[in-house]
């Protein structure tokens, strides 16, 4: 809890914090969605009650050494993947749940120096809706540190990779490194230039790589665009969680999408009447 005076931050007096924790918070805790806290009153306020609808936490005048043993669950929006690595560089070593929304994952995030395992992390969600160019160099290397994960949710757009991300690739690079994983959901779009127009995996080939994924229904869709010489591959766990679906083509697999609020269409061939009937459903 804090108040401002001339852009400075001051903690509330102890009697006021006591009254707030004992009388006010028990009455309004279920309505609170955001808390701004500073070091002196943080622990007392967080332990005063539970906050079932809390989705945001502002932390002020905190020292990492004071906080890292206290934070076990973290929801963060970050500018870059480097910021995520910073958080997981032994600074919050008691974290068991981490939700990360990243604006950008680029080549500057290439080097990962810390190889220590994140043994306490049980649930990790990584979301980035911009192109990712270092999937193998950065993303999978970070995931190899999370050997005790039990739940994992991954949403990425992967570019400039020589091979497709399919069921076999996910097993080799992710699942086999997480022996305790019991829930894995994902939504991965891949854009790749192709040279060999003869040896091109089909939708059936891609779907076959997920034949052992018995816990989830997996949808896969591959499109090849001859004019631009690139392919688009989309694999995701069904049901679809995102609020948007981009680059829908004539090859759209269909399904029920309760959460979608925005779509975009793209194809080198004209979109047929039957396609729009399917979209409308």
Protein backbone atom coordinates (compact mmCIF):
# COMPACT_ATOMS: atom_id res chain seq x y z
CA UNK A 1 0.00 0.00 0.00
CA UNK A 2 1.36 3.42 -0.84
CA UNK A 3 0.48 7.05 -1.33
CA UNK A 4 2.12 9.74 -3.42
CA UNK A 5 3.35 13.23 -2.58
CA UNK A 6 5.43 15.16 -5.11
CA UNK A 7 6.08 11.91 -7.03
CA UNK A 8 7.57 10.29 -3.93
CA UNK A 9 6.39 7.02 -2.39
CA UNK A 10 5.74 6.72 1.35
CA UNK A 11 4.50 3.71 3.35
CA UNK A 12 1.29 4.10 5.31
CA UNK A 13 1.54 4.36 9.12
CA UNK A 14 1.34 1.07 11.03
CA UNK A 15 -2.06 1.82 12.67
CA UNK A 16 -3.55 2.54 9.27
CA UNK A 17 -2.10 -0.65 7.79
CA UNK A 18 -3.46 -2.63 10.78
CA UNK A 19 -6.93 -1.22 10.28
CA UNK A 20 -6.73 -1.87 6.58
CA UNK A 21 -5.67 -5.52 7.07
CA UNK A 22 -8.05 -6.37 9.92
CA UNK A 23 -11.19 -4.45 9.02
CA UNK A 24 -11.23 -3.34 5.40
CA UNK A 25 -9.55 -6.14 3.44
CA UNK A 26 -11.76 -8.97 4.83
CA UNK A 27 -14.80 -7.07 3.54
CA UNK A 28 -13.56 -6.18 0.04
CA UNK A 29 -10.90 -8.82 -0.74
CA UNK A 30 -13.07 -10.59 -3.35
CA UNK A 31 -13.48 -7.32 -5.30
CA UNK A 32 -9.79 -6.41 -5.48
CA UNK A 33 -8.20 -6.82 -8.93
CA UNK A 34 -4.96 -4.86 -8.46
CA UNK A 35 -2.70 -4.00 -5.53
CA UNK A 36 0.19 -1.52 -5.37
CA UNK A 37 2.55 -2.50 -2.55
CA UNK A 38 5.84 -1.40 -1.03
CA UNK A 39 8.30 -3.43 1.01
CA UNK A 40 7.28 -2.58 4.60
CA UNK A 41 3.60 -3.46 4.28
CA UNK A 42 3.69 -5.99 1.44
CA UNK A 43 3.82 -9.19 3.48
CA UNK A 44 1.16 -8.08 5.98
CA UNK A 45 -1.29 -7.14 3.23
CA UNK A 46 -0.72 -10.23 1.08
CA UNK A 47 -1.13 -12.56 4.07
CA UNK A 48 -4.15 -10.72 5.51
CA UNK A 49 -6.61 -12.61 3.30
CA UNK A 50 -6.97 -14.29 -0.06
CA UNK A 51 -7.57 -12.39 -3.31
CA UNK A 52 -9.52 -14.63 -5.73
CA UNK A 53 -9.85 -11.96 -8.45
CA UNK A 54 -6.40 -10.38 -8.18
CA UNK A 55 -4.69 -10.27 -11.59
CA UNK A 56 -2.15 -7.46 -11.14
CA UNK A 57 0.45 -6.51 -8.58
CA UNK A 58 2.55 -3.34 -8.55
CA UNK A 59 5.72 -3.60 -6.45
CA UNK A 60 7.55 -0.46 -5.35
CA UNK A 61 10.83 0.18 -3.53
CA UNK A 62 11.53 -3.53 -3.37
CA UNK A 63 14.92 -5.18 -3.28
CA UNK A 64 15.17 -8.46 -5.18
CA UNK A 65 16.97 -10.13 -2.28
CA UNK A 66 14.06 -9.23 0.02
CA UNK A 67 11.35 -10.46 -2.31
CA UNK A 68 12.65 -13.47 -4.21
CA UNK A 69 11.98 -15.93 -1.38
CA UNK A 70 8.42 -14.64 -0.98
CA UNK A 71 7.13 -14.71 -4.57
CA UNK A 72 5.86 -18.13 -5.66
CA UNK A 73 3.43 -17.13 -8.45
CA UNK A 74 4.06 -14.44 -11.03
CA UNK A 75 2.08 -12.99 -13.97
CA UNK A 76 4.20 -10.63 -16.08
CA UNK A 77 4.11 -8.77 -19.39
CA UNK A 78 7.66 -8.26 -20.66
CA UNK A 79 9.24 -6.40 -23.54
CA UNK A 80 11.74 -9.08 -24.53
CA UNK A 81 12.75 -12.65 -23.92
CA UNK A 82 15.91 -11.34 -22.23
CA UNK A 83 13.70 -9.92 -19.48
CA UNK A 84 12.25 -13.39 -18.94
CA UNK A 85 15.75 -14.86 -18.65
CA UNK A 86 16.59 -12.16 -16.12
CA UNK A 87 13.66 -13.20 -13.92
CA UNK A 88 14.73 -16.84 -14.10
CA UNK A 89 18.40 -16.14 -13.42
CA UNK A 90 18.18 -17.33 -9.79
CA UNK A 91 16.31 -14.18 -8.75
CA UNK A 92 12.96 -15.81 -7.98
CA UNK A 93 14.06 -19.30 -7.07
CA UNK A 94 10.85 -20.14 -5.18
CA UNK A 95 8.59 -19.64 -8.19
CA UNK A 96 6.25 -22.54 -8.85
CA UNK A 97 3.93 -20.76 -11.34
CA UNK A 98 4.97 -18.29 -14.04
CA UNK A 99 2.81 -16.70 -16.73
CA UNK A 100 4.83 -14.69 -19.28
CA UNK A 101 3.51 -12.51 -22.09
CA UNK A 102 6.45 -11.32 -24.22
CA UNK A 103 6.35 -8.60 -26.86
CA UNK A 104 9.46 -9.67 -28.77
CA UNK A 105 11.84 -12.63 -29.09
CA UNK A 106 14.75 -11.81 -31.38
CA UNK A 107 18.38 -12.64 -32.15
CA UNK A 108 19.62 -10.43 -29.31
CA UNK A 109 18.15 -13.03 -26.94
CA UNK A 110 20.40 -15.70 -28.38
CA UNK A 111 22.84 -16.34 -25.54
CA UNK A 112 21.69 -18.18 -22.44
CA UNK A 113 24.46 -18.34 -19.89
CA UNK A 114 22.55 -19.77 -16.95
CA UNK A 115 22.08 -23.54 -17.25
CA UNK A 116 20.82 -24.18 -13.70
CA UNK A 117 17.65 -26.24 -13.40
CA UNK A 118 14.46 -24.52 -12.24
CA UNK A 119 13.40 -27.36 -9.96
CA UNK A 120 10.57 -25.52 -8.18
CA UNK A 121 8.75 -24.40 -11.32
CA UNK A 122 5.61 -26.53 -11.84
CA UNK A 123 3.52 -24.43 -14.24
CA UNK A 124 4.85 -22.26 -17.03
CA UNK A 125 2.94 -20.32 -19.68
CA UNK A 126 4.85 -18.56 -22.48
CA UNK A 127 2.99 -16.37 -24.95
CA UNK A 128 4.37 -14.22 -27.78
CA UNK A 129 2.29 -13.01 -30.74
CA UNK A 130 5.25 -11.62 -32.72
CA UNK A 131 7.67 -13.54 -34.94
CA UNK A 132 10.26 -15.63 -33.12
CA UNK A 133 13.59 -16.27 -34.84
CA UNK A 134 15.48 -18.15 -32.12
CA UNK A 135 13.18 -21.05 -31.27
CA UNK A 136 15.97 -23.64 -31.12
CA UNK A 137 18.68 -21.35 -29.76
CA UNK A 138 16.72 -19.69 -26.95
CA UNK A 139 13.23 -21.08 -26.37
CA UNK A 140 14.01 -24.78 -26.17
CA UNK A 141 17.23 -24.14 -24.24
CA UNK A 142 15.26 -22.35 -21.54
CA UNK A 143 12.69 -25.13 -21.43
CA UNK A 144 15.41 -27.71 -20.85
CA UNK A 145 15.97 -26.10 -17.45
CA UNK A 146 12.36 -26.86 -16.41
CA UNK A 147 12.60 -30.60 -15.80
CA UNK A 148 9.92 -30.62 -13.07
CA UNK A 149 7.18 -28.88 -15.03
CA UNK A 150 3.75 -30.45 -14.64
CA UNK A 151 1.73 -28.01 -16.79
CA UNK A 152 3.02 -26.09 -19.79
CA UNK A 153 1.24 -23.76 -22.22
CA UNK A 154 3.13 -22.44 -25.26
CA UNK A 155 2.04 -19.92 -27.90
CA UNK A 156 4.57 -18.86 -30.56
CA UNK A 157 5.05 -17.73 -34.15
CA UNK A 158 8.27 -19.39 -35.39
CA UNK A 159 10.19 -18.08 -38.43
CA UNK A 160 13.41 -18.92 -40.29
CA UNK A 161 13.58 -22.56 -39.27
CA UNK A 162 14.74 -25.22 -41.73
CA UNK A 163 12.29 -27.90 -40.63
CA UNK A 164 8.71 -28.06 -39.43
CA UNK A 165 7.69 -28.13 -35.79
CA UNK A 166 5.66 -31.34 -35.57
CA UNK A 167 4.78 -33.93 -32.95
CA UNK A 168 8.15 -35.65 -33.17
CA UNK A 169 10.01 -32.35 -32.82
CA UNK A 170 8.01 -31.38 -29.75
CA UNK A 171 8.81 -34.72 -28.13
CA UNK A 172 12.54 -34.52 -28.80
CA UNK A 173 13.05 -30.85 -27.92
CA UNK A 174 10.47 -30.33 -25.15
CA UNK A 175 8.46 -33.27 -23.80
CA UNK A 176 11.36 -35.69 -23.30
CA UNK A 177 13.07 -33.09 -21.10
CA UNK A 178 10.04 -32.84 -18.78
CA UNK A 179 9.39 -36.32 -17.30
CA UNK A 180 6.71 -35.00 -14.89
CA UNK A 181 4.73 -33.14 -17.53
CA UNK A 182 1.06 -34.20 -17.48
CA UNK A 183 -0.58 -31.30 -19.33
CA UNK A 184 0.89 -29.70 -22.46
CA UNK A 185 -1.13 -27.26 -24.55
CA UNK A 186 0.26 -25.25 -27.44
CA UNK A 187 -0.52 -23.01 -30.39
CA UNK A 188 2.41 -22.75 -32.81
CA UNK A 189 2.49 -21.14 -36.23
CA UNK A 190 5.53 -21.71 -38.44
CA UNK A 191 6.63 -19.88 -41.60
CA UNK A 192 9.37 -21.55 -43.61
CA UNK A 193 10.92 -21.12 -47.08
CA UNK A 194 10.98 -24.36 -49.08
CA UNK A 195 13.19 -25.43 -51.94
CA UNK A 196 12.19 -29.02 -52.65
CA UNK A 197 8.66 -28.99 -54.06
CA UNK A 198 8.57 -32.80 -54.36
CA UNK A 199 9.22 -33.84 -50.76
CA UNK A 200 6.54 -31.78 -49.03
CA UNK A 201 4.78 -33.21 -45.95
CA UNK A 202 1.01 -33.26 -46.23
CA UNK A 203 -1.58 -32.54 -43.56
CA UNK A 204 -1.91 -36.29 -43.09
CA UNK A 205 1.87 -36.64 -42.61
CA UNK A 206 1.84 -33.88 -40.00
CA UNK A 207 -1.19 -35.27 -38.19
CA UNK A 208 0.46 -38.71 -38.03
CA UNK A 209 3.31 -37.29 -35.92
CA UNK A 210 0.73 -36.59 -33.19
CA UNK A 211 -0.72 -40.12 -33.10
CA UNK A 212 0.67 -40.74 -29.59
CA UNK A 213 -0.73 -37.49 -28.14
CA UNK A 214 -3.70 -39.19 -26.50
CA UNK A 215 -4.34 -36.56 -23.82
CA UNK A 216 -5.23 -33.78 -26.28
CA UNK A 217 -6.83 -33.47 -29.67
CA UNK A 218 -4.20 -31.88 -31.92
CA UNK A 219 -5.11 -29.95 -35.07
CA UNK A 220 -2.53 -29.40 -37.82
CA UNK A 221 -2.76 -27.50 -41.07
CA UNK A 222 -0.08 -26.97 -43.76
CA UNK A 223 -0.28 -24.60 -46.72
CA UNK A 224 2.25 -24.24 -49.55
CA UNK A 225 2.30 -20.97 -51.49
CA UNK A 226 3.99 -21.47 -54.86
CA UNK A 227 4.25 -17.80 -55.85
CA UNK A 228 6.08 -16.70 -52.69
CA UNK A 229 7.91 -20.03 -52.17
CA UNK A 230 7.10 -20.43 -48.52
CA UNK A 231 4.92 -22.69 -46.42
CA UNK A 232 2.73 -22.00 -43.45
CA UNK A 233 2.15 -24.60 -40.76
CA UNK A 234 -0.23 -24.25 -37.83
CA UNK A 235 -0.48 -26.78 -35.00
CA UNK A 236 -2.53 -26.34 -31.86
CA UNK A 237 -4.25 -28.14 -29.03
CA UNK A 238 -8.00 -28.23 -29.37
CA UNK A 239 -10.07 -26.54 -28.04
CA UNK A 240 -8.68 -23.24 -29.37
CA UNK A 241 -7.97 -20.70 -26.59
CA UNK A 242 -6.88 -17.54 -28.40
CA UNK A 243 -9.14 -14.63 -29.30
CA UNK A 244 -7.79 -14.40 -32.86
CA UNK A 245 -7.04 -16.73 -35.77
CA UNK A 246 -4.73 -15.32 -38.46
CA UNK A 247 -4.04 -16.31 -42.09
CA UNK A 248 -6.99 -18.64 -42.56
CA UNK A 249 -6.83 -20.35 -45.97
CA UNK A 250 -9.00 -22.67 -48.07
CA UNK A 251 -7.29 -25.45 -46.14
CA UNK A 252 -8.94 -24.33 -42.88
CA UNK A 253 -9.64 -27.46 -40.77
CA UNK A 254 -12.85 -26.11 -39.20
CA UNK A 255 -14.05 -26.65 -35.66
CA UNK A 256 -15.76 -24.73 -32.89
CA UNK A 257 -14.00 -21.55 -31.71
CA UNK A 258 -15.88 -19.95 -28.82
CA UNK A 259 -13.19 -17.42 -27.85
CA UNK A 260 -12.30 -15.91 -31.25
CA UNK A 261 -13.11 -12.24 -31.78
CA UNK A 262 -10.88 -11.47 -34.79
CA UNK A 263 -9.81 -13.40 -37.90
CA UNK A 264 -7.73 -12.66 -40.99
CA UNK A 265 -7.84 -14.50 -44.34
CA UNK A 266 -5.02 -15.20 -46.80
CA UNK A 267 -4.59 -17.50 -49.78
CA UNK A 268 -3.05 -17.39 -53.26
CA UNK A 269 -6.24 -19.00 -54.57
CA UNK A 270 -9.72 -17.54 -54.45
CA UNK A 271 -11.68 -18.32 -51.32
CA UNK A 272 -14.64 -20.46 -52.29
CA UNK A 273 -18.28 -20.08 -51.27
CA UNK A 274 -18.14 -23.31 -49.26
CA UNK A 275 -15.23 -21.86 -47.31
CA UNK A 276 -17.31 -18.90 -46.10
CA UNK A 277 -20.13 -21.26 -45.12
CA UNK A 278 -17.65 -23.16 -42.97
CA UNK A 279 -16.31 -19.94 -41.42
CA UNK A 280 -19.84 -18.77 -40.61
CA UNK A 281 -20.47 -21.97 -38.66
